[in-house]
Amino acid sequence: MSQYFNFFPKLDYDISGKLPTQTTQVVDIFMRQQLTNQIKTEALVYYPYMIQDGERPDILAYNYYGDVKFTWIIFFANDIIDPYFQWPLHSNEFRDYIIKKYWSVTKAKDTVHCYQQLIRDETSTNYSGTTHATDKLYYKVDYTTYENLNGDERLLVSKFDYETNLNDQKRSIQLIEDTYVVGIFNEARKALI
C-alpha cells in the first residue's frame, strides 16, 4: 500500500505553527477524492464480500488480487479512509477494545446502550418464484416508552451488543472484479502524476 502513496504529490506542511517556520514534506491526501471518482467510474463490476474474523486487508488483497500493492483499491472501493477504525477488529482486538473502553466485557454486557421498539417484524415475500426477506426494524425509544411495551415489542441493547453490531457492519464490503484492478491501478497512477 505504501507504494501507492508514492504517486501522490507532496507538499510542505508547517509543523511548528510559529516563526521561524519549520516544515516537513507530507503526502497531499486531498487527491483522494479525484482518485475515488476515477476508480468508481472505471470499476464496473463490484461484488459483495464478507470479511472473516482476523482477515487483514493486505492478505485479502494478496489472496484475491495477487499482490498486496492493491490493498488501497479495497479501501477506495469501500470509502475506507482510516483502516485502523473502519476495518473490523478480530475477536482478540475487539475484546481488548471493549475492556479498554468499558473496563470489562461483563460491564459492557450489563450496561444499557439504548432501548428500542419493534416497528416491523421480519417478513418474507415471494415475487415470481424468488423469496425476498425483510429484517426486523427497531426504533430507539426512551425508557418510559420501553417499559410500557409488551415483551416481544421491545429490545434492550447493551453496550456490548451495540459495539458488536458496529464491528460486524464493517465486515460487509465490496470488492472490485480482479480483472479490472491492473487497469485501475495504471489509470490511478496517470491521474496522480
Protein backbone atom coordinates (compact mmCIF):
# COMPACT_ATOMS: atom_id res chain seq x y z
CA MET A 1 0.00 0.00 0.00
CA SER A 2 2.86 2.42 0.70
CA GLN A 3 3.86 2.19 -2.97
CA TYR A 4 0.50 3.71 -3.84
CA PHE A 5 1.24 6.87 -1.86
CA ASN A 6 4.40 7.40 -3.93
CA PHE A 7 2.12 8.58 -6.75
CA PHE A 8 0.55 11.37 -4.70
CA PRO A 9 2.04 14.86 -4.93
CA LYS A 10 3.92 16.14 -1.88
CA LEU A 11 3.55 19.49 -0.16
CA ASP A 12 5.38 21.36 2.58
CA TYR A 13 3.43 21.36 5.86
CA ASP A 14 4.12 23.75 8.73
CA ILE A 15 4.78 21.60 11.79
CA SER A 16 5.75 24.39 14.19
CA GLY A 17 2.83 26.79 13.88
CA LYS A 18 5.12 29.73 14.66
CA LEU A 19 8.04 31.68 13.25
CA PRO A 20 10.55 30.65 12.17
CA THR A 21 8.52 28.14 10.22
CA GLN A 22 9.56 24.50 10.32
CA THR A 23 8.13 22.35 7.56
CA THR A 24 8.12 18.74 6.59
CA GLN A 25 7.01 17.12 3.35
CA VAL A 26 3.70 15.29 3.52
CA VAL A 27 1.54 13.45 1.04
CA ASP A 28 -1.30 15.53 -0.41
CA ILE A 29 -4.19 13.28 0.61
CA PHE A 30 -6.72 15.65 -0.92
CA MET A 31 -6.04 13.92 -4.23
CA ARG A 32 -8.08 11.06 -2.75
CA GLN A 33 -11.45 12.39 -3.96
CA GLN A 34 -10.23 12.74 -7.55
CA LEU A 35 -8.90 9.20 -7.43
CA THR A 36 -12.04 7.85 -5.73
CA ASN A 37 -14.22 9.23 -8.53
CA GLN A 38 -11.84 7.79 -11.13
CA ILE A 39 -11.91 4.32 -9.58
CA LYS A 40 -15.67 4.27 -9.13
CA THR A 41 -16.14 5.35 -12.75
CA GLU A 42 -13.69 2.77 -14.07
CA ALA A 43 -14.72 -0.13 -11.85
CA LEU A 44 -17.75 -1.61 -13.49
CA VAL A 45 -18.07 -4.82 -11.57
CA TYR A 46 -18.31 -4.99 -7.80
CA TYR A 47 -19.35 -7.98 -5.78
CA PRO A 48 -20.19 -8.35 -2.10
CA TYR A 49 -17.63 -9.86 0.25
CA MET A 50 -17.84 -10.73 3.96
CA ILE A 51 -14.61 -10.18 5.88
CA GLN A 52 -13.78 -13.15 8.10
CA ASP A 53 -12.58 -12.80 11.69
CA GLY A 54 -8.91 -11.79 11.68
CA GLU A 55 -8.72 -11.26 7.91
CA ARG A 56 -6.39 -8.37 7.18
CA PRO A 57 -6.82 -6.09 4.14
CA ASP A 58 -3.31 -6.79 2.82
CA ILE A 59 -3.87 -10.55 2.99
CA LEU A 60 -7.25 -10.17 1.25
CA ALA A 61 -5.58 -8.09 -1.49
CA TYR A 62 -2.88 -10.72 -1.92
CA ASN A 63 -5.34 -13.63 -1.97
CA TYR A 64 -7.78 -12.02 -4.37
CA TYR A 65 -5.68 -9.64 -6.49
CA GLY A 66 -2.32 -11.45 -6.24
CA ASP A 67 -0.40 -8.54 -4.72
CA VAL A 68 -0.55 -6.51 -1.50
CA LYS A 69 0.02 -3.31 -3.51
CA PHE A 70 -3.70 -3.46 -4.38
CA THR A 71 -4.80 -3.13 -0.74
CA TRP A 72 -5.65 0.52 -1.34
CA ILE A 73 -8.18 -0.49 -4.00
CA ILE A 74 -10.15 -2.36 -1.33
CA PHE A 75 -10.09 0.79 0.82
CA PHE A 76 -11.19 3.07 -2.03
CA ALA A 77 -13.95 0.76 -3.20
CA ASN A 78 -15.42 0.89 0.31
CA ASP A 79 -14.69 4.52 1.25
CA ILE A 80 -12.32 3.40 4.00
CA ILE A 81 -10.15 6.35 4.98
CA ASP A 82 -8.84 5.01 8.30
CA PRO A 83 -8.27 1.24 8.14
CA TYR A 84 -7.49 1.11 11.87
CA PHE A 85 -11.02 2.17 12.79
CA GLN A 86 -13.02 1.30 9.68
CA TRP A 87 -11.81 -2.30 9.26
CA PRO A 88 -13.43 -4.85 11.59
CA LEU A 89 -11.45 -5.85 14.66
CA HIS A 90 -10.69 -9.53 15.06
CA SER A 91 -12.04 -11.22 18.20
CA ASN A 92 -8.97 -10.61 20.41
CA GLU A 93 -8.65 -6.97 19.34
CA PHE A 94 -12.37 -6.50 19.85
CA ARG A 95 -12.20 -7.95 23.36
CA ASP A 96 -9.26 -5.65 24.22
CA TYR A 97 -11.14 -2.67 22.78
CA ILE A 98 -14.22 -3.45 24.91
CA ILE A 99 -12.11 -3.83 28.07
CA LYS A 100 -10.28 -0.58 27.40
CA LYS A 101 -13.50 1.34 26.72
CA TYR A 102 -15.85 -0.23 29.30
CA TRP A 103 -13.41 -1.72 31.86
CA SER A 104 -14.63 -5.28 31.30
CA VAL A 105 -16.67 -7.41 28.91
CA THR A 106 -19.15 -8.14 31.70
CA LYS A 107 -19.65 -4.44 32.41
CA ALA A 108 -20.24 -3.76 28.69
CA LYS A 109 -22.83 -6.54 28.59
CA ASP A 110 -24.55 -5.23 31.72
CA THR A 111 -24.64 -1.56 30.68
CA VAL A 112 -27.61 -0.34 28.63
CA HIS A 113 -26.79 1.48 25.43
CA CYS A 114 -30.38 2.16 24.37
CA TYR A 115 -33.96 0.92 24.39
CA GLN A 116 -35.75 0.01 21.17
CA GLN A 117 -39.28 -0.70 19.97
CA LEU A 118 -40.11 -3.20 17.24
CA ILE A 119 -41.62 -1.26 14.33
CA ARG A 120 -41.71 -4.00 11.68
CA ASP A 121 -41.40 -7.74 12.17
CA GLU A 122 -39.31 -9.93 9.92
CA THR A 123 -41.20 -10.89 6.77
CA SER A 124 -40.59 -12.81 3.60
CA THR A 125 -42.41 -12.24 0.33
CA ASN A 126 -42.42 -14.37 -2.78
CA TYR A 127 -42.23 -12.50 -6.10
CA SER A 128 -42.11 -14.54 -9.29
CA GLY A 129 -40.58 -17.55 -7.57
CA THR A 130 -37.96 -15.50 -5.69
CA THR A 131 -38.22 -15.04 -1.94
CA HIS A 132 -37.39 -11.57 -0.60
CA ALA A 133 -36.82 -11.20 3.14
CA THR A 134 -37.02 -8.02 5.18
CA ASP A 135 -35.33 -7.82 8.55
CA LYS A 136 -36.91 -6.68 11.77
CA LEU A 137 -36.92 -2.93 12.16
CA TYR A 138 -36.41 -1.30 15.54
CA TYR A 139 -36.69 2.33 16.58
CA LYS A 140 -34.88 3.90 19.52
CA VAL A 141 -37.25 4.94 22.35
CA ASP A 142 -36.95 6.35 25.86
CA TYR A 143 -37.08 4.21 28.99
CA THR A 144 -40.73 5.07 29.82
CA THR A 145 -41.92 4.01 26.37
CA TYR A 146 -39.81 0.86 26.59
CA GLU A 147 -41.34 -0.09 29.95
CA ASN A 148 -44.88 0.24 28.55
CA LEU A 149 -44.25 -2.12 25.62
CA ASN A 150 -45.01 -5.83 25.54
CA GLY A 151 -42.02 -8.16 25.86
CA ASP A 152 -41.99 -9.12 22.17
CA GLU A 153 -42.19 -5.47 21.05
CA ARG A 154 -39.11 -4.23 22.87
CA LEU A 155 -35.39 -4.72 22.78
CA LEU A 156 -32.73 -3.69 25.26
CA VAL A 157 -29.37 -3.07 23.55
CA SER A 158 -26.29 -3.37 25.74
CA LYS A 159 -23.04 -1.51 25.12
CA PHE A 160 -21.50 -4.85 24.14
CA ASP A 161 -24.28 -5.62 21.62
CA TYR A 162 -24.00 -2.10 20.19
CA GLU A 163 -20.22 -2.35 19.71
CA THR A 164 -20.53 -5.88 18.28
CA ASN A 165 -23.11 -4.68 15.76
CA LEU A 166 -20.87 -1.77 14.69
CA ASN A 167 -17.91 -4.11 14.26
CA ASP A 168 -19.99 -6.64 12.31
CA GLN A 169 -21.33 -3.96 9.95
CA LYS A 170 -17.74 -3.29 8.87
CA ARG A 171 -17.44 -6.90 7.68
CA SER A 172 -19.69 -6.38 4.66
CA ILE A 173 -17.65 -4.81 1.86
CA GLN A 174 -17.47 -4.77 -1.92
CA LEU A 175 -14.55 -5.97 -4.00
CA ILE A 176 -13.80 -4.78 -7.49
CA GLU A 177 -13.64 -7.61 -10.01
CA ASP A 178 -9.99 -8.68 -10.20
CA THR A 179 -9.78 -8.38 -13.98
CA TYR A 180 -10.17 -4.57 -13.69
CA VAL A 181 -7.60 -3.93 -10.96
CA VAL A 182 -4.43 -3.58 -13.04
CA GLY A 183 -6.18 -1.13 -15.37
CA ILE A 184 -7.48 0.90 -12.43
CA PHE A 185 -4.03 0.90 -10.85
CA ASN A 186 -2.47 2.23 -14.07
CA GLU A 187 -5.19 4.84 -14.53
CA ALA A 188 -4.76 5.96 -10.91
CA ARG A 189 -1.03 6.45 -11.48
CA LYS A 190 -1.73 8.61 -14.54
CA ALA A 191 -4.34 10.69 -12.68
CA LEU A 192 -1.99 11.42 -9.80
CA ILE A 193 1.23 12.12 -11.69
